[in-house]
Amino acid sequence: MKYPIYPCLWFDGKAAEAAAFYCSVFSNSRIISNSPMVTQFELTGKKFMGLNGGPQFKFTQSVSMFVFCETPKELDTLWAKLAPGGTVMMPLDKYPFAEKFGWTTDRFGLSWQLFLSGAKQEIKPCLLFVGDQFGRAEEAITFYTSVFKDSQITDLNRYEKGQPAEGSISHARFTLGGTGFVATESNLSHDFNFNESISFVVECETQDEIDYYWNKLTEGGQESMCGWLKDKFGVSWQIVPAVLGKLMSDPQKSQRVMQAFLKMKKFEIEKLLQA
């Protein structure tokens, strides 16, 4: 796997609008490509995909974008742009775990956590384990870091004795294939869990890589179509060939390639090349 893992955000016809908005919020950001189905963009130098998938899936707080901010002014500026039109879960304030923190959804429903870290601004996907997945965060982190090369657990904190979720993960940081992630869990009652609204794209150079990640991540999980799967924790992934973008940009081949992969669960590179 040569390329970093990156999030795919599921929109109902608003992928390009959302991408333009996010690029206006964050510095070092740009639109990479745009089509009626997919918009690819970078935020703070990290790749994202916006997918016009339809109305089936809606963002929840199960996956949010956790933004580490260098200064209070930087955090305040981001909050002032992201919060309007959304719903505030935790007001911008001082908390026992942070000098300054806030949690809000934006006008598209995507969840953001802004955290004053004192370090250079960085966005990391945050996985929240609740409901029937509560108590499985450490298991998931250990599993993911065993599957992906260039991975490590960099921080693992637990709720302290006497706290409602004593012993479970309060905040963890880890990298998968060089991409930073955050995880936490809550035993409070929530009416959401992981769904396909946010998936993680793994671009593979060879069929062996596709086979490896597909087989590892579907263990105890569920296969879907067109390279999509759910792992045993309910998190969605897309295992795709890196050459797919080039094939889909070829006007002479794109329709045949699309017809070929619409019949596939796991991608088969050779069949796509022959389409």
Foldseek 3Di string as FASTA:
>chain_A
DPDFKEKEFEAQQCQVVVQVLQPVLAPPKDWDDDDSAWTWMDGPRGIYIYGNPHDPDADDVQKAKEKEDQDPVSLVSSCVSFAPLWAWPADFACDPVARTWTWIGGNRRGIYIYGHDNDHIDIAMEGEQEDPRAPCVVVVLVLQQVQAPPKDWDDFDADDPPDPRGPGTAWTWMGGNNGIHMYHYDHDDDPDHADDSMAMEDEDADPVVLVSVVVSQCVCWAFDALQWTAGNSRHIYRYYYPCLVVQCVPPVRNVVLVVVRRPGRRDDVVSSVVD
